[in-house]
Amino acid sequence: MDYEVGKPSLTHWKKIAAARNCSLMELQPVTGRSHQLRVHLQAIGHPILGDPFYAHPQALAAAPRLLLHAAELTLNHPESRKRMHFTSAPDESLLQ
């Protein structure tokens, strides 16, 4: 691991909605680097609310926990190699 330079990473993102000084973002990580989504959102000025590592004090205090949610996940089962797909709708009540 290169802590000075890091490794290339790519995240596609789209703002879905905005309210009360926060935004609901759709993120699609292309690479799988540690903290990738958190670092990329902080870099574009949208730190994840409740993020103890990358959020500025106001964004950290805005939520009781890290507001990062995997709405969709696809993977191959580690033993059977069967393709598995899971969905879980995000809680949008924070935007109201």
PDB file of N, CA and C in Angstrom:
ATOM      1  N   MET A   1       0.844  -1.172   0.000  1.00  0.00           N
ATOM      2  CA  MET A   1       0.000   0.000   0.000  1.00  0.00           C
ATOM      3  C   MET A   1       0.892   1.238   0.000  1.00  0.00           C
ATOM      4  N   ASP A   2       0.549   2.206  -0.816  1.00  0.00           N
ATOM      5  CA  ASP A   2       1.326   3.435  -0.928  1.00  0.00           C
ATOM      6  C   ASP A   2       0.582   4.561  -0.228  1.00  0.00           C
ATOM      7  N   TYR A   3       0.956   4.875   1.013  1.00  0.00           N
ATOM      8  CA  TYR A   3       0.269   5.899   1.794  1.00  0.00           C
ATOM      9  C   TYR A   3       0.593   7.307   1.308  1.00  0.00           C
ATOM     10  N   GLU A   4       1.656   7.483   0.572  1.00  0.00           N
ATOM     11  CA  GLU A   4       2.038   8.804   0.072  1.00  0.00           C
ATOM     12  C   GLU A   4       1.282   9.156  -1.209  1.00  0.00           C
ATOM     13  N   VAL A   5       1.261   8.241  -2.161  1.00  0.00           N
ATOM     14  CA  VAL A   5       0.669   8.509  -3.472  1.00  0.00           C
ATOM     15  C   VAL A   5      -0.696   7.851  -3.620  1.00  0.00           C
ATOM     16  N   GLY A   6      -0.882   6.677  -3.039  1.00  0.00           N
ATOM     17  CA  GLY A   6      -2.132   5.947  -3.169  1.00  0.00           C
ATOM     18  C   GLY A   6      -2.207   5.201  -4.487  1.00  0.00           C
ATOM     19  N   LYS A   7      -3.364   4.637  -4.766  1.00  0.00           N
ATOM     20  CA  LYS A   7      -3.599   3.913  -6.009  1.00  0.00           C
ATOM     21  C   LYS A   7      -4.755   4.582  -6.743  1.00  0.00           C
ATOM     22  N   PRO A   8      -4.804   4.407  -8.057  1.00  0.00           N
ATOM     23  CA  PRO A   8      -5.910   5.010  -8.806  1.00  0.00           C
ATOM     24  C   PRO A   8      -7.261   4.461  -8.342  1.00  0.00           C
ATOM     25  N   SER A   9      -8.263   5.325  -8.354  1.00  0.00           N
ATOM     26  CA  SER A   9      -9.609   4.884  -8.008  1.00  0.00           C
ATOM     27  C   SER A   9     -10.613   5.726  -8.782  1.00  0.00           C
ATOM     28  N   LEU A  10     -11.801   5.156  -8.986  1.00  0.00           N
ATOM     29  CA  LEU A  10     -12.820   5.832  -9.770  1.00  0.00           C
ATOM     30  C   LEU A  10     -14.188   5.558  -9.161  1.00  0.00           C
ATOM     31  N   THR A  11     -14.959   6.623  -8.986  1.00  0.00           N
ATOM     32  CA  THR A  11     -16.329   6.526  -8.504  1.00  0.00           C
ATOM     33  C   THR A  11     -17.212   7.374  -9.406  1.00  0.00           C
ATOM     34  N   HIS A  12     -18.284   6.777  -9.935  1.00  0.00           N
ATOM     35  CA  HIS A  12     -19.293   7.549 -10.664  1.00  0.00           C
ATOM     36  C   HIS A  12     -20.316   8.002  -9.629  1.00  0.00           C
ATOM     37  N   TRP A  13     -20.769   9.253  -9.726  1.00  0.00           N
ATOM     38  CA  TRP A  13     -21.728   9.748  -8.751  1.00  0.00           C
ATOM     39  C   TRP A  13     -22.771  10.627  -9.420  1.00  0.00           C
ATOM     40  N   LYS A  14     -23.936  10.709  -8.751  1.00  0.00           N
ATOM     41  CA  LYS A  14     -25.035  11.532  -9.245  1.00  0.00           C
ATOM     42  C   LYS A  14     -25.827  12.027  -8.039  1.00  0.00           C
ATOM     43  N   LYS A  15     -26.153  13.322  -8.034  1.00  0.00           N
ATOM     44  CA  LYS A  15     -26.998  13.859  -6.967  1.00  0.00           C
ATOM     45  C   LYS A  15     -28.445  13.515  -7.301  1.00  0.00           C
ATOM     46  N   ILE A  16     -29.134  12.846  -6.372  1.00  0.00           N
ATOM     47  CA  ILE A  16     -30.515  12.408  -6.560  1.00  0.00           C
ATOM     48  C   ILE A  16     -31.496  13.453  -6.038  1.00  0.00           C
ATOM     49  N   ALA A  17     -31.211  14.001  -4.876  1.00  0.00           N
ATOM     50  CA  ALA A  17     -32.104  14.979  -4.247  1.00  0.00           C
ATOM     51  C   ALA A  17     -31.287  15.818  -3.274  1.00  0.00           C
ATOM     52  N   ALA A  18     -31.856  16.965  -2.915  1.00  0.00           N
ATOM     53  CA  ALA A  18     -31.194  17.834  -1.940  1.00  0.00           C
ATOM     54  C   ALA A  18     -32.238  18.531  -1.086  1.00  0.00           C
ATOM     55  N   ALA A  19     -31.924  18.690   0.195  1.00  0.00           N
ATOM     56  CA  ALA A  19     -32.802  19.391   1.138  1.00  0.00           C
ATOM     57  C   ALA A  19     -32.019  19.643   2.422  1.00  0.00           C
ATOM     58  N   ARG A  20     -32.391  20.689   3.137  1.00  0.00           N
ATOM     59  CA  ARG A  20     -31.807  20.978   4.451  1.00  0.00           C
ATOM     60  C   ARG A  20     -30.279  20.897   4.462  1.00  0.00           C
ATOM     61  N   ASN A  21     -29.611  21.473   3.507  1.00  0.00           N
ATOM     62  CA  ASN A  21     -28.146  21.491   3.462  1.00  0.00           C
ATOM     63  C   ASN A  21     -27.512  20.106   3.362  1.00  0.00           C
ATOM     64  N   CYS A  22     -28.235  19.136   2.801  1.00  0.00           N
ATOM     65  CA  CYS A  22     -27.645  17.826   2.554  1.00  0.00           C
ATOM     66  C   CYS A  22     -28.163  17.294   1.230  1.00  0.00           C
ATOM     67  N   SER A  23     -27.503  16.307   0.696  1.00  0.00           N
ATOM     68  CA  SER A  23     -27.875  15.732  -0.594  1.00  0.00           C
ATOM     69  C   SER A  23     -27.924  14.218  -0.503  1.00  0.00           C
ATOM     70  N   LEU A  24     -28.826  13.642  -1.280  1.00  0.00           N
ATOM     71  CA  LEU A  24     -28.866  12.192  -1.451  1.00  0.00           C
ATOM     72  C   LEU A  24     -28.097  11.912  -2.725  1.00  0.00           C
ATOM     73  N   MET A  25     -27.034  11.139  -2.624  1.00  0.00           N
ATOM     74  CA  MET A  25     -26.155  10.871  -3.754  1.00  0.00           C
ATOM     75  C   MET A  25     -26.216   9.395  -4.119  1.00  0.00           C
ATOM     76  N   GLU A  26     -26.163   9.107  -5.414  1.00  0.00           N
ATOM     77  CA  GLU A  26     -26.004   7.739  -5.890  1.00  0.00           C
ATOM     78  C   GLU A  26     -24.542   7.567  -6.274  1.00  0.00           C
ATOM     79  N   LEU A  27     -23.900   6.567  -5.697  1.00  0.00           N
ATOM     80  CA  LEU A  27     -22.481   6.317  -5.940  1.00  0.00           C
ATOM     81  C   LEU A  27     -22.295   4.952  -6.570  1.00  0.00           C
ATOM     82  N   GLN A  28     -21.436   4.881  -7.562  1.00  0.00           N
ATOM     83  CA  GLN A  28     -21.096   3.610  -8.186  1.00  0.00           C
ATOM     84  C   GLN A  28     -19.580   3.490  -8.218  1.00  0.00           C
ATOM     85  N   PRO A  29     -19.008   2.782  -7.233  1.00  0.00           N
ATOM     86  CA  PRO A  29     -17.553   2.606  -7.237  1.00  0.00           C
ATOM     87  C   PRO A  29     -17.132   1.667  -8.365  1.00  0.00           C
ATOM     88  N   VAL A  30     -16.173   2.102  -9.156  1.00  0.00           N
ATOM     89  CA  VAL A  30     -15.636   1.266 -10.229  1.00  0.00           C
ATOM     90  C   VAL A  30     -14.488   0.429  -9.679  1.00  0.00           C
ATOM     91  N   THR A  31     -13.676   1.048  -8.862  1.00  0.00           N
ATOM     92  CA  THR A  31     -12.590   0.336  -8.185  1.00  0.00           C
ATOM     93  C   THR A  31     -13.024   0.094  -6.743  1.00  0.00           C
ATOM     94  N   GLY A  32     -12.277  -0.630  -5.987  1.00  0.00           N
ATOM     95  CA  GLY A  32     -12.660  -0.967  -4.621  1.00  0.00           C
ATOM     96  C   GLY A  32     -11.587  -0.610  -3.608  1.00  0.00           C
ATOM     97  N   ARG A  33     -11.247   0.644  -3.532  1.00  0.00           N
ATOM     98  CA  ARG A  33     -10.207   1.079  -2.588  1.00  0.00           C
ATOM     99  C   ARG A  33     -10.802   1.373  -1.217  1.00  0.00           C
ATOM    100  N   SER A  34      -9.996   1.217  -0.193  1.00  0.00           N
ATOM    101  CA  SER A  34     -10.421   1.538   1.169  1.00  0.00           C
ATOM    102  C   SER A  34     -10.836   3.002   1.259  1.00  0.00           C
ATOM    103  N   HIS A  35     -11.985   3.247   1.841  1.00  0.00           N
ATOM    104  CA  HIS A  35     -12.508   4.595   2.079  1.00  0.00           C
ATOM    105  C   HIS A  35     -12.747   5.376   0.793  1.00  0.00           C
ATOM    106  N   GLN A  36     -12.772   4.700  -0.340  1.00  0.00           N
ATOM    107  CA  GLN A  36     -12.879   5.359  -1.642  1.00  0.00           C
ATOM    108  C   GLN A  36     -14.067   6.322  -1.715  1.00  0.00           C
ATOM    109  N   LEU A  37     -15.263   5.856  -1.369  1.00  0.00           N
ATOM    110  CA  LEU A  37     -16.442   6.701  -1.478  1.00  0.00           C
ATOM    111  C   LEU A  37     -16.348   7.893  -0.539  1.00  0.00           C
ATOM    112  N   ARG A  38     -15.854   7.666   0.657  1.00  0.00           N
ATOM    113  CA  ARG A  38     -15.737   8.731   1.642  1.00  0.00           C
ATOM    114  C   ARG A  38     -14.741   9.798   1.200  1.00  0.00           C
ATOM    115  N   VAL A  39     -13.619   9.376   0.654  1.00  0.00           N
ATOM    116  CA  VAL A  39     -12.595  10.312   0.186  1.00  0.00           C
ATOM    117  C   VAL A  39     -13.094  11.086  -1.034  1.00  0.00           C
ATOM    118  N   HIS A  40     -13.713  10.402  -1.977  1.00  0.00           N
ATOM    119  CA  HIS A  40     -14.183  11.077  -3.184  1.00  0.00           C
ATOM    120  C   HIS A  40     -15.269  12.100  -2.879  1.00  0.00           C
ATOM    121  N   LEU A  41     -16.212  11.762  -1.998  1.00  0.00           N
ATOM    122  CA  LEU A  41     -17.259  12.724  -1.667  1.00  0.00           C
ATOM    123  C   LEU A  41     -16.700  13.925  -0.907  1.00  0.00           C
ATOM    124  N   GLN A  42     -15.766  13.691  -0.038  1.00  0.00           N
ATOM    125  CA  GLN A  42     -15.134  14.818   0.653  1.00  0.00           C
ATOM    126  C   GLN A  42     -14.422  15.716  -0.357  1.00  0.00           C
ATOM    127  N   ALA A  43     -13.778  15.125  -1.343  1.00  0.00           N
ATOM    128  CA  ALA A  43     -13.017  15.890  -2.336  1.00  0.00           C
ATOM    129  C   ALA A  43     -13.910  16.775  -3.208  1.00  0.00           C
ATOM    130  N   ILE A  44     -15.169  16.370  -3.430  1.00  0.00           N
ATOM    131  CA  ILE A  44     -16.067  17.194  -4.243  1.00  0.00           C
ATOM    132  C   ILE A  44     -16.951  18.098  -3.387  1.00  0.00           C
ATOM    133  N   GLY A  45     -16.653  18.170  -2.095  1.00  0.00           N
ATOM    134  CA  GLY A  45     -17.393  19.063  -1.216  1.00  0.00           C
ATOM    135  C   GLY A  45     -18.685  18.505  -0.661  1.00  0.00           C
ATOM    136  N   HIS A  46     -18.856  17.192  -0.705  1.00  0.00           N
ATOM    137  CA  HIS A  46     -20.044  16.523  -0.172  1.00  0.00           C
ATOM    138  C   HIS A  46     -19.628  15.440   0.826  1.00  0.00           C
ATOM    139  N   PRO A  47     -19.013  15.804   1.940  1.00  0.00           N
ATOM    140  CA  PRO A  47     -18.619  14.757   2.901  1.00  0.00           C
ATOM    141  C   PRO A  47     -19.853  13.997   3.386  1.00  0.00           C
ATOM    142  N   ILE A  48     -19.686  12.731   3.642  1.00  0.00           N
ATOM    143  CA  ILE A  48     -20.792  11.914   4.127  1.00  0.00           C
ATOM    144  C   ILE A  48     -21.097  12.312   5.558  1.00  0.00           C
ATOM    145  N   LEU A  49     -22.373  12.594   5.809  1.00  0.00           N
ATOM    146  CA  LEU A  49     -22.772  13.000   7.152  1.00  0.00           C
ATOM    147  C   LEU A  49     -22.438  11.907   8.154  1.00  0.00           C
ATOM    148  N   GLY A  50     -21.922  12.326   9.306  1.00  0.00           N
ATOM    149  CA  GLY A  50     -21.584  11.387  10.362  1.00  0.00           C
ATOM    150  C   GLY A  50     -20.273  10.654  10.163  1.00  0.00           C
ATOM    151  N   ASP A  51     -19.483  11.035   9.168  1.00  0.00           N
ATOM    152  CA  ASP A  51     -18.211  10.352   8.896  1.00  0.00           C
ATOM    153  C   ASP A  51     -17.128  10.855   9.854  1.00  0.00           C
ATOM    154  N   PRO A  52     -16.677   9.997  10.775  1.00  0.00           N
ATOM    155  CA  PRO A  52     -15.701  10.449  11.769  1.00  0.00           C
ATOM    156  C   PRO A  52     -14.298  10.685  11.205  1.00  0.00           C
ATOM    157  N   PHE A  53     -14.014  10.220  10.004  1.00  0.00           N
ATOM    158  CA  PHE A  53     -12.672  10.375   9.438  1.00  0.00           C
ATOM    159  C   PHE A  53     -12.553  11.530   8.446  1.00  0.00           C
ATOM    160  N   TYR A  54     -13.580  11.754   7.628  1.00  0.00           N
ATOM    161  CA  TYR A  54     -13.442  12.697   6.520  1.00  0.00           C
ATOM    162  C   TYR A  54     -14.399  13.884   6.559  1.00  0.00           C
ATOM    163  N   ALA A  55     -15.404  13.858   7.397  1.00  0.00           N
ATOM    164  CA  ALA A  55     -16.369  14.964   7.447  1.00  0.00           C
ATOM    165  C   ALA A  55     -15.816  16.126   8.265  1.00  0.00           C
ATOM    166  N   HIS A  56     -16.143  17.340   7.832  1.00  0.00           N
ATOM    167  CA  HIS A  56     -15.806  18.510   8.639  1.00  0.00           C
ATOM    168  C   HIS A  56     -16.728  18.501   9.867  1.00  0.00           C
ATOM    169  N   PRO A  57     -16.419  19.275  10.908  1.00  0.00           N
ATOM    170  CA  PRO A  57     -17.192  19.201  12.165  1.00  0.00           C
ATOM    171  C   PRO A  57     -18.706  19.336  11.995  1.00  0.00           C
ATOM    172  N   GLN A  58     -19.163  20.227  11.118  1.00  0.00           N
ATOM    173  CA  GLN A  58     -20.601  20.408  10.918  1.00  0.00           C
ATOM    174  C   GLN A  58     -21.231  19.156  10.304  1.00  0.00           C
ATOM    175  N   ALA A  59     -20.585  18.548   9.319  1.00  0.00           N
ATOM    176  CA  ALA A  59     -21.113  17.332   8.683  1.00  0.00           C
ATOM    177  C   ALA A  59     -21.046  16.141   9.635  1.00  0.00           C
ATOM    178  N   LEU A  60     -20.031  16.101  10.471  1.00  0.00           N
ATOM    179  CA  LEU A  60     -19.920  15.025  11.467  1.00  0.00           C
ATOM    180  C   LEU A  60     -21.060  15.119  12.474  1.00  0.00           C
ATOM    181  N   ALA A  61     -21.355  16.335  12.926  1.00  0.00           N
ATOM    182  CA  ALA A  61     -22.394  16.534  13.937  1.00  0.00           C
ATOM    183  C   ALA A  61     -23.806  16.404  13.368  1.00  0.00           C
ATOM    184  N   ALA A  62     -23.951  16.391  12.056  1.00  0.00           N
ATOM    185  CA  ALA A  62     -25.277  16.381  11.433  1.00  0.00           C
ATOM    186  C   ALA A  62     -25.969  15.021  11.488  1.00  0.00           C
ATOM    187  N   ALA A  63     -25.264  13.975  11.896  1.00  0.00           N
ATOM    188  CA  ALA A  63     -25.865  12.638  11.948  1.00  0.00           C
ATOM    189  C   ALA A  63     -25.244  11.838  13.100  1.00  0.00           C
ATOM    190  N   PRO A  64     -26.028  10.970  13.708  1.00  0.00           N
ATOM    191  CA  PRO A  64     -25.518  10.175  14.833  1.00  0.00           C
ATOM    192  C   PRO A  64     -24.619   9.009  14.424  1.00  0.00           C
ATOM    193  N   ARG A  65     -24.566   8.755  13.102  1.00  0.00           N
ATOM    194  CA  ARG A  65     -23.749   7.653  12.591  1.00  0.00           C
ATOM    195  C   ARG A  65     -23.364   7.978  11.155  1.00  0.00           C
ATOM    196  N   LEU A  66     -22.492   7.183  10.582  1.00  0.00           N
ATOM    197  CA  LEU A  66     -22.098   7.343   9.184  1.00  0.00           C
ATOM    198  C   LEU A  66     -23.304   7.051   8.289  1.00  0.00           C
ATOM    199  N   LEU A  67     -23.714   8.026   7.490  1.00  0.00           N
ATOM    200  CA  LEU A  67     -24.875   7.847   6.619  1.00  0.00           C
ATOM    201  C   LEU A  67     -24.435   7.380   5.237  1.00  0.00           C
ATOM    202  N   LEU A  68     -23.915   6.169   5.197  1.00  0.00           N
ATOM    203  CA  LEU A  68     -23.500   5.514   3.964  1.00  0.00           C
ATOM    204  C   LEU A  68     -24.265   4.203   3.897  1.00  0.00           C
ATOM    205  N   HIS A  69     -25.007   4.001   2.807  1.00  0.00           N
ATOM    206  CA  HIS A  69     -25.902   2.853   2.708  1.00  0.00           C
ATOM    207  C   HIS A  69     -25.732   2.175   1.349  1.00  0.00           C
ATOM    208  N   ALA A  70     -25.534   0.875   1.349  1.00  0.00           N
ATOM    209  CA  ALA A  70     -25.475   0.112   0.097  1.00  0.00           C
ATOM    210  C   ALA A  70     -26.896  -0.277  -0.286  1.00  0.00           C
ATOM    211  N   ALA A  71     -27.456   0.396  -1.288  1.00  0.00           N
ATOM    212  CA  ALA A  71     -28.812   0.104  -1.737  1.00  0.00           C
ATOM    213  C   ALA A  71     -28.850  -1.138  -2.620  1.00  0.00           C
ATOM    214  N   GLU A  72     -27.706  -1.453  -3.229  1.00  0.00           N
ATOM    215  CA  GLU A  72     -27.650  -2.590  -4.138  1.00  0.00           C
ATOM    216  C   GLU A  72     -26.255  -3.192  -4.080  1.00  0.00           C
ATOM    217  N   LEU A  73     -26.196  -4.499  -4.016  1.00  0.00           N
ATOM    218  CA  LEU A  73     -24.912  -5.192  -3.933  1.00  0.00           C
ATOM    219  C   LEU A  73     -25.001  -6.493  -4.720  1.00  0.00           C
ATOM    220  N   THR A  74     -24.036  -6.717  -5.589  1.00  0.00           N
ATOM    221  CA  THR A  74     -23.967  -7.956  -6.359  1.00  0.00           C
ATOM    222  C   THR A  74     -22.595  -8.579  -6.146  1.00  0.00           C
ATOM    223  N   LEU A  75     -22.578  -9.865  -5.871  1.00  0.00           N
ATOM    224  CA  LEU A  75     -21.306 -10.563  -5.663  1.00  0.00           C
ATOM    225  C   LEU A  75     -21.457 -12.033  -5.992  1.00  0.00           C
ATOM    226  N   ASN A  76     -20.336 -12.692  -6.155  1.00  0.00           N
ATOM    227  CA  ASN A  76     -20.325 -14.139  -6.340  1.00  0.00           C
ATOM    228  C   ASN A  76     -20.125 -14.785  -4.975  1.00  0.00           C
ATOM    229  N   HIS A  77     -20.964 -15.775  -4.668  1.00  0.00           N
ATOM    230  CA  HIS A  77     -20.838 -16.484  -3.401  1.00  0.00           C
ATOM    231  C   HIS A  77     -19.436 -17.090  -3.322  1.00  0.00           C
ATOM    232  N   PRO A  78     -18.766 -16.969  -2.179  1.00  0.00           N
ATOM    233  CA  PRO A  78     -17.377 -17.422  -2.091  1.00  0.00           C
ATOM    234  C   PRO A  78     -17.165 -18.928  -2.281  1.00  0.00           C
ATOM    235  N   GLU A  79     -18.182 -19.746  -2.007  1.00  0.00           N
ATOM    236  CA  GLU A  79     -18.017 -21.189  -2.178  1.00  0.00           C
ATOM    237  C   GLU A  79     -18.676 -21.704  -3.451  1.00  0.00           C
ATOM    238  N   SER A  80     -19.937 -21.359  -3.657  1.00  0.00           N
ATOM    239  CA  SER A  80     -20.663 -21.883  -4.823  1.00  0.00           C
ATOM    240  C   SER A  80     -20.375 -21.089  -6.092  1.00  0.00           C
ATOM    241  N   ARG A  81     -19.859 -19.889  -5.946  1.00  0.00           N
ATOM    242  CA  ARG A  81     -19.595 -18.953  -7.049  1.00  0.00           C
ATOM    243  C   ARG A  81     -20.886 -18.477  -7.719  1.00  0.00           C
ATOM    244  N   LYS A  82     -22.032 -18.823  -7.123  1.00  0.00           N
ATOM    245  CA  LYS A  82     -23.322 -18.379  -7.648  1.00  0.00           C
ATOM    246  C   LYS A  82     -23.421 -16.857  -7.508  1.00  0.00           C
ATOM    247  N   ARG A  83     -23.905 -16.208  -8.559  1.00  0.00           N
ATOM    248  CA  ARG A  83     -24.078 -14.758  -8.544  1.00  0.00           C
ATOM    249  C   ARG A  83     -25.251 -14.418  -7.634  1.00  0.00           C
ATOM    250  N   MET A  84     -25.012 -13.491  -6.680  1.00  0.00           N
ATOM    251  CA  MET A  84     -26.046 -13.108  -5.729  1.00  0.00           C
ATOM    252  C   MET A  84     -26.272 -11.603  -5.835  1.00  0.00           C
ATOM    253  N   HIS A  85     -27.531 -11.199  -5.705  1.00  0.00           N
ATOM    254  CA  HIS A  85     -27.887  -9.797  -5.827  1.00  0.00           C
ATOM    255  C   HIS A  85     -28.808  -9.422  -4.668  1.00  0.00           C
ATOM    256  N   PHE A  86     -28.473  -8.334  -3.969  1.00  0.00           N
ATOM    257  CA  PHE A  86     -29.242  -7.871  -2.821  1.00  0.00           C
ATOM    258  C   PHE A  86     -29.625  -6.408  -3.031  1.00  0.00           C
ATOM    259  N   THR A  87     -30.805  -6.046  -2.567  1.00  0.00           N
ATOM    260  CA  THR A  87     -31.225  -4.646  -2.591  1.00  0.00           C
ATOM    261  C   THR A  87     -31.790  -4.264  -1.229  1.00  0.00           C
ATOM    262  N   SER A  88     -31.654  -3.000  -0.902  1.00  0.00           N
ATOM    263  CA  SER A  88     -32.171  -2.463   0.349  1.00  0.00           C
ATOM    264  C   SER A  88     -32.363  -0.965   0.151  1.00  0.00           C
ATOM    265  N   ALA A  89     -33.603  -0.530   0.116  1.00  0.00           N
ATOM    266  CA  ALA A  89     -33.890   0.880  -0.159  1.00  0.00           C
ATOM    267  C   ALA A  89     -33.334   1.777   0.938  1.00  0.00           C
ATOM    268  N   PRO A  90     -32.754   2.906   0.552  1.00  0.00           N
ATOM    269  CA  PRO A  90     -32.246   3.849   1.556  1.00  0.00           C
ATOM    270  C   PRO A  90     -33.397   4.564   2.269  1.00  0.00           C
ATOM    271  N   ASP A  91     -33.132   5.036   3.467  1.00  0.00           N
ATOM    272  CA  ASP A  91     -34.095   5.806   4.244  1.00  0.00           C
ATOM    273  C   ASP A  91     -34.000   7.262   3.820  1.00  0.00           C
ATOM    274  N   GLU A  92     -34.957   7.736   3.067  1.00  0.00           N
ATOM    275  CA  GLU A  92     -34.923   9.102   2.562  1.00  0.00           C
ATOM    276  C   GLU A  92     -35.551  10.099   3.528  1.00  0.00           C
ATOM    277  N   SER A  93     -35.966   9.650   4.703  1.00  0.00           N
ATOM    278  CA  SER A  93     -36.612  10.546   5.657  1.00  0.00           C
ATOM    279  C   SER A  93     -35.671  11.645   6.146  1.00  0.00           C
ATOM    280  N   LEU A  94     -34.377  11.439   6.016  1.00  0.00           N
ATOM    281  CA  LEU A  94     -33.422  12.458   6.454  1.00  0.00           C
ATOM    282  C   LEU A  94     -33.507  13.724   5.605  1.00  0.00           C
ATOM    283  N   LEU A  95     -34.028  13.597   4.393  1.00  0.00           N
ATOM    284  CA  LEU A  95     -34.137  14.746   3.504  1.00  0.00           C
ATOM    285  C   LEU A  95     -35.420  15.549   3.745  1.00  0.00           C
ATOM    286  N   GLN A  96     -36.288  15.070   4.595  1.00  0.00           N
ATOM    287  CA  GLN A  96     -37.569  15.768   4.826  1.00  0.00           C
ATOM    288  C   GLN A  96     -37.461  16.761   5.951  1.00  0.00           C
TER     289      GLN A  96
END
